[in-house]
N, C-alpha and C. Protein backbone atom coordinates (compact mmCIF):
# COMPACT_ATOMS: atom_id res chain seq x y z
N UNK A 1 45.36 122.95 48.59
CA UNK A 1 44.32 122.83 47.59
C UNK A 1 43.70 121.46 47.71
N UNK A 2 42.41 121.40 47.70
CA UNK A 2 41.71 120.12 47.81
C UNK A 2 40.65 120.06 46.74
N UNK A 3 40.77 119.13 45.83
CA UNK A 3 39.77 118.93 44.80
C UNK A 3 38.95 117.71 45.18
N UNK A 4 37.68 117.89 45.37
CA UNK A 4 36.84 116.78 45.81
C UNK A 4 36.19 116.10 44.62
N UNK A 5 36.23 114.78 44.60
CA UNK A 5 35.54 114.00 43.58
C UNK A 5 34.09 113.89 44.00
N UNK A 6 33.19 114.38 43.18
CA UNK A 6 31.78 114.45 43.52
C UNK A 6 31.18 113.07 43.80
N UNK A 7 30.39 112.99 44.86
CA UNK A 7 29.64 111.79 45.16
C UNK A 7 30.41 110.73 45.94
N UNK A 8 31.60 111.00 46.41
CA UNK A 8 32.37 110.02 47.15
C UNK A 8 33.26 110.74 48.15
N UNK A 9 33.86 109.99 49.03
CA UNK A 9 34.78 110.57 50.00
C UNK A 9 36.16 110.77 49.38
N UNK A 10 36.40 110.15 48.25
CA UNK A 10 37.70 110.24 47.62
C UNK A 10 37.94 111.67 47.16
N UNK A 11 39.18 112.16 47.35
CA UNK A 11 39.54 113.50 46.88
C UNK A 11 41.04 113.54 46.59
N UNK A 12 41.45 114.65 46.00
CA UNK A 12 42.85 114.83 45.64
C UNK A 12 43.37 116.09 46.32
N UNK A 13 44.59 115.99 46.84
CA UNK A 13 45.28 117.15 47.38
C UNK A 13 46.57 117.35 46.59
N UNK A 14 47.08 118.57 46.60
CA UNK A 14 48.30 118.87 45.87
C UNK A 14 48.01 119.65 44.61
N UNK A 15 49.05 120.17 44.01
CA UNK A 15 48.85 121.03 42.84
C UNK A 15 49.68 120.65 41.62
N UNK A 16 50.66 119.76 41.77
CA UNK A 16 51.44 119.38 40.59
C UNK A 16 51.33 117.88 40.34
N UNK A 17 51.12 117.57 39.07
CA UNK A 17 51.03 116.17 38.64
C UNK A 17 51.72 116.05 37.29
N UNK A 18 53.06 116.07 37.30
CA UNK A 18 53.78 116.01 36.03
C UNK A 18 53.49 114.70 35.30
N UNK A 19 53.48 114.80 33.97
CA UNK A 19 53.17 113.63 33.17
C UNK A 19 54.37 113.07 32.42
N UNK A 20 55.41 113.88 32.27
CA UNK A 20 56.60 113.42 31.53
C UNK A 20 57.86 113.80 32.32
N UNK A 21 58.95 113.12 32.05
CA UNK A 21 60.21 113.50 32.69
C UNK A 21 60.59 114.96 32.38
N UNK A 22 60.29 115.42 31.18
CA UNK A 22 60.59 116.80 30.81
C UNK A 22 59.79 117.77 31.67
N UNK A 23 58.54 117.46 31.91
CA UNK A 23 57.71 118.31 32.76
C UNK A 23 58.21 118.30 34.20
N UNK A 24 58.67 117.14 34.67
CA UNK A 24 59.27 117.05 36.01
C UNK A 24 60.45 118.00 36.09
N UNK A 25 61.35 117.93 35.12
CA UNK A 25 62.54 118.79 35.11
C UNK A 25 62.17 120.26 35.06
N UNK A 26 61.18 120.60 34.24
CA UNK A 26 60.76 122.00 34.13
C UNK A 26 60.20 122.53 35.45
N UNK A 27 59.34 121.76 36.08
CA UNK A 27 58.75 122.18 37.36
C UNK A 27 59.84 122.30 38.42
N UNK A 28 60.73 121.34 38.45
CA UNK A 28 61.82 121.37 39.43
C UNK A 28 62.66 122.62 39.23
N UNK A 29 62.96 122.96 37.98
CA UNK A 29 63.74 124.17 37.69
C UNK A 29 62.98 125.42 38.14
N UNK A 30 61.67 125.45 37.90
CA UNK A 30 60.86 126.61 38.30
C UNK A 30 60.86 126.82 39.81
N UNK A 31 61.13 125.79 40.57
CA UNK A 31 61.15 125.90 42.03
C UNK A 31 62.50 126.37 42.57
N UNK A 32 63.46 126.58 41.70
CA UNK A 32 64.79 126.99 42.14
C UNK A 32 64.76 128.32 42.88
N UNK A 33 64.24 129.35 42.24
CA UNK A 33 64.19 130.67 42.87
C UNK A 33 63.30 130.69 44.11
N UNK A 34 62.09 130.13 44.05
CA UNK A 34 61.28 130.12 45.28
C UNK A 34 61.96 129.42 46.45
N UNK A 35 62.69 128.35 46.19
CA UNK A 35 63.36 127.66 47.29
C UNK A 35 64.47 128.53 47.88
N UNK A 36 65.18 129.27 47.05
CA UNK A 36 66.19 130.20 47.56
C UNK A 36 65.55 131.28 48.42
N UNK A 37 64.43 131.81 47.97
CA UNK A 37 63.73 132.84 48.73
C UNK A 37 63.28 132.31 50.08
N UNK A 38 62.72 131.12 50.09
CA UNK A 38 62.25 130.52 51.35
C UNK A 38 63.43 130.35 52.32
N UNK A 39 64.53 129.83 51.84
CA UNK A 39 65.70 129.63 52.71
C UNK A 39 66.20 130.97 53.25
N UNK A 40 66.28 131.98 52.40
CA UNK A 40 66.74 133.30 52.84
C UNK A 40 65.80 133.90 53.89
N UNK A 41 64.51 133.76 53.67
CA UNK A 41 63.55 134.30 54.63
C UNK A 41 63.60 133.56 55.97
N UNK A 42 63.78 132.26 55.92
CA UNK A 42 63.92 131.49 57.15
C UNK A 42 65.19 131.91 57.88
N UNK A 43 66.28 132.07 57.14
CA UNK A 43 67.53 132.52 57.75
C UNK A 43 67.36 133.88 58.40
N UNK A 44 66.64 134.76 57.74
CA UNK A 44 66.38 136.09 58.31
C UNK A 44 65.52 135.97 59.56
N UNK A 45 64.52 135.11 59.53
CA UNK A 45 63.63 134.94 60.68
C UNK A 45 64.36 134.39 61.90
N UNK A 46 65.40 133.59 61.67
CA UNK A 46 66.16 133.07 62.81
C UNK A 46 67.41 133.91 63.08
N UNK A 47 67.46 135.06 62.43
CA UNK A 47 68.47 136.08 62.67
C UNK A 47 69.91 135.63 62.36
N UNK A 48 70.07 134.90 61.26
CA UNK A 48 71.43 134.58 60.81
C UNK A 48 72.03 135.84 60.19
N UNK A 49 73.21 136.23 60.64
CA UNK A 49 73.84 137.38 60.01
C UNK A 49 74.43 136.93 58.66
N UNK A 50 74.78 137.89 57.79
CA UNK A 50 75.24 137.53 56.44
C UNK A 50 76.44 136.56 56.43
N UNK A 51 77.38 136.74 57.35
CA UNK A 51 78.55 135.86 57.40
C UNK A 51 78.13 134.44 57.78
N UNK A 52 77.26 134.34 58.77
CA UNK A 52 76.77 133.03 59.21
C UNK A 52 75.96 132.37 58.09
N UNK A 53 75.16 133.17 57.37
CA UNK A 53 74.38 132.66 56.24
C UNK A 53 75.33 132.04 55.21
N UNK A 54 76.36 132.75 54.85
CA UNK A 54 77.32 132.26 53.86
C UNK A 54 78.01 130.97 54.31
N UNK A 55 78.24 130.84 55.61
CA UNK A 55 78.90 129.65 56.14
C UNK A 55 77.96 128.45 56.20
N UNK A 56 76.70 128.70 56.52
CA UNK A 56 75.77 127.60 56.80
C UNK A 56 74.86 127.23 55.65
N UNK A 57 74.57 128.16 54.77
CA UNK A 57 73.62 127.89 53.69
C UNK A 57 74.39 127.58 52.41
N UNK A 58 74.43 126.31 52.10
CA UNK A 58 75.14 125.84 50.91
C UNK A 58 74.13 125.55 49.79
N UNK A 59 74.67 125.20 48.65
CA UNK A 59 73.82 124.76 47.55
C UNK A 59 73.00 123.53 47.93
N UNK A 60 73.57 122.69 48.79
CA UNK A 60 72.86 121.50 49.25
C UNK A 60 71.62 121.87 50.08
N UNK A 61 71.74 122.93 50.87
CA UNK A 61 70.60 123.39 51.67
C UNK A 61 69.47 123.88 50.75
N UNK A 62 69.85 124.66 49.74
CA UNK A 62 68.86 125.16 48.78
C UNK A 62 68.23 123.99 48.02
N UNK A 63 69.03 123.02 47.63
CA UNK A 63 68.51 121.85 46.91
C UNK A 63 67.55 121.05 47.79
N UNK A 64 67.88 120.91 49.05
CA UNK A 64 66.98 120.21 49.98
C UNK A 64 65.65 120.94 50.09
N UNK A 65 65.69 122.26 50.14
CA UNK A 65 64.45 123.04 50.19
C UNK A 65 63.64 122.83 48.91
N UNK A 66 64.32 122.81 47.77
CA UNK A 66 63.62 122.60 46.49
C UNK A 66 63.02 121.20 46.43
N UNK A 67 63.76 120.21 46.89
CA UNK A 67 63.22 118.84 46.93
C UNK A 67 61.96 118.79 47.79
N UNK A 68 62.02 119.42 48.96
CA UNK A 68 60.88 119.40 49.88
C UNK A 68 59.69 120.14 49.29
N UNK A 69 59.94 121.26 48.64
CA UNK A 69 58.85 122.01 48.01
C UNK A 69 58.19 121.18 46.90
N UNK A 70 59.02 120.59 46.04
CA UNK A 70 58.49 119.77 44.95
C UNK A 70 57.62 118.65 45.52
N UNK A 71 58.16 117.91 46.48
CA UNK A 71 57.44 116.78 47.07
C UNK A 71 56.12 117.23 47.69
N UNK A 72 56.16 118.33 48.43
CA UNK A 72 54.96 118.76 49.15
C UNK A 72 53.86 119.28 48.24
N UNK A 73 54.18 119.55 46.99
CA UNK A 73 53.18 120.03 46.04
C UNK A 73 52.59 118.93 45.16
N UNK A 74 53.14 117.72 45.23
CA UNK A 74 52.64 116.61 44.40
C UNK A 74 51.19 116.28 44.71
N UNK A 75 50.44 115.94 43.68
CA UNK A 75 49.05 115.53 43.90
C UNK A 75 49.02 114.14 44.52
N UNK A 76 48.07 113.96 45.40
CA UNK A 76 47.87 112.68 46.08
C UNK A 76 46.37 112.41 46.12
N UNK A 77 45.99 111.22 45.72
CA UNK A 77 44.60 110.80 45.86
C UNK A 77 44.41 110.24 47.26
N UNK A 78 43.28 110.58 47.86
CA UNK A 78 42.97 110.17 49.22
C UNK A 78 41.62 109.46 49.19
N UNK A 79 41.57 108.26 49.74
CA UNK A 79 40.31 107.54 49.72
C UNK A 79 40.27 106.39 50.71
N UNK A 80 39.14 105.76 50.73
CA UNK A 80 38.98 104.57 51.57
C UNK A 80 39.69 103.40 50.91
N UNK A 81 39.86 102.36 51.65
CA UNK A 81 40.47 101.15 51.09
C UNK A 81 39.67 100.65 49.89
N UNK A 82 38.34 100.70 49.98
CA UNK A 82 37.48 100.24 48.88
C UNK A 82 37.66 101.13 47.65
N UNK A 83 37.73 102.43 47.84
CA UNK A 83 37.94 103.34 46.71
C UNK A 83 39.29 103.09 46.06
N UNK A 84 40.30 102.87 46.88
CA UNK A 84 41.63 102.57 46.36
C UNK A 84 41.59 101.27 45.56
N UNK A 85 40.96 100.24 46.09
CA UNK A 85 40.88 98.95 45.39
C UNK A 85 40.16 99.10 44.06
N UNK A 86 39.12 99.92 44.01
CA UNK A 86 38.42 100.19 42.74
C UNK A 86 39.36 100.86 41.74
N UNK A 87 40.10 101.87 42.20
CA UNK A 87 41.06 102.56 41.33
C UNK A 87 42.12 101.57 40.85
N UNK A 88 42.65 100.80 41.79
CA UNK A 88 43.73 99.85 41.50
C UNK A 88 43.32 98.83 40.44
N UNK A 89 42.08 98.41 40.47
CA UNK A 89 41.59 97.42 39.49
C UNK A 89 41.69 97.94 38.06
N UNK A 90 41.63 99.25 37.89
CA UNK A 90 41.72 99.83 36.55
C UNK A 90 43.08 100.35 36.17
N UNK A 91 44.06 100.22 37.06
CA UNK A 91 45.40 100.73 36.79
C UNK A 91 46.26 99.61 36.24
N UNK A 92 46.93 99.88 35.13
CA UNK A 92 47.71 98.86 34.46
C UNK A 92 49.21 99.13 34.56
N UNK A 93 49.66 99.51 35.75
CA UNK A 93 51.08 99.78 35.94
C UNK A 93 51.59 99.11 37.20
N UNK A 94 52.78 99.50 37.60
CA UNK A 94 53.41 98.97 38.81
C UNK A 94 53.00 99.81 40.01
N UNK A 95 52.63 99.13 41.08
CA UNK A 95 52.24 99.81 42.32
C UNK A 95 53.10 99.29 43.46
N UNK A 96 53.69 100.22 44.20
CA UNK A 96 54.39 99.85 45.43
C UNK A 96 53.51 100.30 46.59
N UNK A 97 53.15 99.34 47.43
CA UNK A 97 52.28 99.64 48.56
C UNK A 97 53.08 99.57 49.85
N UNK A 98 52.89 100.57 50.71
CA UNK A 98 53.55 100.60 52.00
C UNK A 98 52.51 100.77 53.10
N UNK A 99 52.81 100.21 54.25
CA UNK A 99 51.90 100.35 55.38
C UNK A 99 51.21 99.04 55.72
N UNK A 100 50.24 99.16 56.57
CA UNK A 100 49.50 98.02 57.09
C UNK A 100 48.25 97.78 56.25
N UNK A 101 48.04 96.57 55.82
CA UNK A 101 46.86 96.28 54.99
C UNK A 101 45.56 96.24 55.79
N UNK A 102 45.65 96.26 57.11
CA UNK A 102 44.46 96.16 57.95
C UNK A 102 43.98 97.51 58.47
N UNK A 103 44.05 98.53 57.63
CA UNK A 103 43.54 99.85 58.00
C UNK A 103 42.52 100.29 56.96
N UNK A 104 41.83 101.38 57.26
CA UNK A 104 40.67 101.77 56.45
C UNK A 104 40.92 102.72 55.29
N UNK A 105 42.08 103.37 55.25
CA UNK A 105 42.29 104.44 54.27
C UNK A 105 43.61 104.31 53.54
N UNK A 106 43.65 104.89 52.34
CA UNK A 106 44.85 104.81 51.50
C UNK A 106 45.05 106.16 50.80
N UNK A 107 46.32 106.52 50.65
CA UNK A 107 46.71 107.65 49.80
C UNK A 107 47.60 107.08 48.70
N UNK A 108 47.52 107.66 47.50
CA UNK A 108 48.35 107.15 46.42
C UNK A 108 48.69 108.26 45.43
N UNK A 109 49.83 108.06 44.77
CA UNK A 109 50.33 109.01 43.78
C UNK A 109 50.75 108.22 42.55
N UNK A 110 50.46 108.79 41.38
CA UNK A 110 50.75 108.12 40.12
C UNK A 110 51.62 109.01 39.24
N UNK A 111 52.63 108.39 38.65
CA UNK A 111 53.43 109.05 37.60
C UNK A 111 53.59 108.02 36.50
N UNK A 112 52.95 108.27 35.37
CA UNK A 112 53.02 107.33 34.25
C UNK A 112 52.49 105.97 34.64
N UNK A 113 53.32 104.96 34.51
CA UNK A 113 52.93 103.59 34.83
C UNK A 113 53.44 103.16 36.20
N UNK A 114 53.77 104.14 37.05
CA UNK A 114 54.23 103.85 38.42
C UNK A 114 53.28 104.49 39.41
N UNK A 115 53.04 103.79 40.49
CA UNK A 115 52.23 104.35 41.57
C UNK A 115 52.82 103.91 42.90
N UNK A 116 52.65 104.76 43.87
CA UNK A 116 53.03 104.45 45.25
C UNK A 116 51.81 104.71 46.10
N UNK A 117 51.51 103.77 46.98
CA UNK A 117 50.35 103.90 47.86
C UNK A 117 50.78 103.66 49.30
N UNK A 118 50.14 104.36 50.21
CA UNK A 118 50.41 104.19 51.64
C UNK A 118 49.09 104.12 52.39
N UNK A 119 49.00 103.19 53.30
CA UNK A 119 47.79 103.05 54.10
C UNK A 119 47.91 103.89 55.36
N UNK A 120 46.75 104.23 55.92
CA UNK A 120 46.72 104.95 57.19
C UNK A 120 45.36 104.74 57.83
N UNK A 121 45.33 104.91 59.14
CA UNK A 121 44.06 104.78 59.84
C UNK A 121 43.45 106.16 60.12
N UNK A 122 44.21 107.05 60.76
CA UNK A 122 43.61 108.30 61.19
C UNK A 122 44.44 109.54 60.86
N UNK A 123 45.69 109.41 60.60
CA UNK A 123 46.57 110.56 60.40
C UNK A 123 46.74 110.88 58.91
N UNK A 124 45.68 111.42 58.31
CA UNK A 124 45.68 111.67 56.87
C UNK A 124 46.82 112.60 56.44
N UNK A 125 47.02 113.72 57.11
CA UNK A 125 48.07 114.66 56.70
C UNK A 125 49.45 114.04 56.78
N UNK A 126 49.69 113.26 57.81
CA UNK A 126 50.99 112.58 57.95
C UNK A 126 51.17 111.57 56.82
N UNK A 127 50.12 110.85 56.48
CA UNK A 127 50.20 109.86 55.39
C UNK A 127 50.48 110.55 54.06
N UNK A 128 49.82 111.68 53.81
CA UNK A 128 50.04 112.42 52.58
C UNK A 128 51.49 112.89 52.49
N UNK A 129 51.98 113.50 53.55
CA UNK A 129 53.36 114.02 53.55
C UNK A 129 54.37 112.89 53.38
N UNK A 130 54.14 111.77 54.04
CA UNK A 130 55.04 110.62 53.90
C UNK A 130 55.03 110.10 52.47
N UNK A 131 53.86 109.98 51.90
CA UNK A 131 53.74 109.49 50.53
C UNK A 131 54.43 110.44 49.54
N UNK A 132 54.25 111.73 49.73
CA UNK A 132 54.88 112.70 48.84
C UNK A 132 56.40 112.58 48.90
N UNK A 133 56.94 112.42 50.09
CA UNK A 133 58.40 112.26 50.21
C UNK A 133 58.85 110.95 49.57
N UNK A 134 58.08 109.88 49.76
CA UNK A 134 58.41 108.59 49.15
C UNK A 134 58.39 108.71 47.62
N UNK A 135 57.36 109.37 47.09
CA UNK A 135 57.26 109.54 45.64
C UNK A 135 58.45 110.33 45.11
N UNK A 136 58.82 111.39 45.81
CA UNK A 136 59.97 112.17 45.34
C UNK A 136 61.22 111.29 45.35
N UNK A 137 61.45 110.60 46.44
CA UNK A 137 62.65 109.78 46.56
C UNK A 137 62.72 108.63 45.58
N UNK A 138 61.60 107.99 45.33
CA UNK A 138 61.59 106.80 44.48
C UNK A 138 61.41 107.08 42.99
N UNK A 139 60.74 108.16 42.68
CA UNK A 139 60.43 108.44 41.27
C UNK A 139 61.17 109.69 40.77
N UNK A 140 60.93 110.80 41.41
CA UNK A 140 61.35 112.08 40.86
C UNK A 140 62.82 112.42 41.07
N UNK A 141 63.41 111.99 42.17
CA UNK A 141 64.81 112.35 42.41
C UNK A 141 65.70 111.79 41.31
N UNK A 142 65.37 110.64 40.79
CA UNK A 142 66.15 110.05 39.69
C UNK A 142 66.09 110.92 38.43
N UNK A 143 64.93 111.51 38.22
CA UNK A 143 64.76 112.35 37.04
C UNK A 143 65.49 113.67 37.19
N UNK A 144 65.35 114.33 38.32
CA UNK A 144 65.95 115.65 38.49
C UNK A 144 67.45 115.59 38.70
N UNK A 145 67.97 114.43 39.08
CA UNK A 145 69.41 114.29 39.31
C UNK A 145 70.15 113.75 38.08
N UNK A 146 69.42 113.41 37.02
CA UNK A 146 70.09 112.83 35.84
C UNK A 146 70.64 113.89 34.91
């Protein structure tokens, strides 16, 4: 899903943008069954027999799938360095920036008063995926594991 901000190159990708820890927990719980289904279908596609499935697919495997699904659905703003700097000037929270400051583009994700931003030159999809995993690891994993 791509929502474009009219009149600029800046846009948003992703479908979930939780605003509270309770909403994070609710969304994470809602992904429980879909993550199990995805793991089962992948196991079927690689022809794991039921005994092998039981031996290899643990709760940890299902949890990893749920973590990955949650992260990959997070909203991410995508823009030029100038667009990011404009947004940043109006943000009154903590921002962790990763990457090289001498590139042209930035992706960022916000949860409450926390934001994580990553710079990139040409690999937008890779930057988005990296940022989503960083956001899950730094912000959301603490909430869903508490």
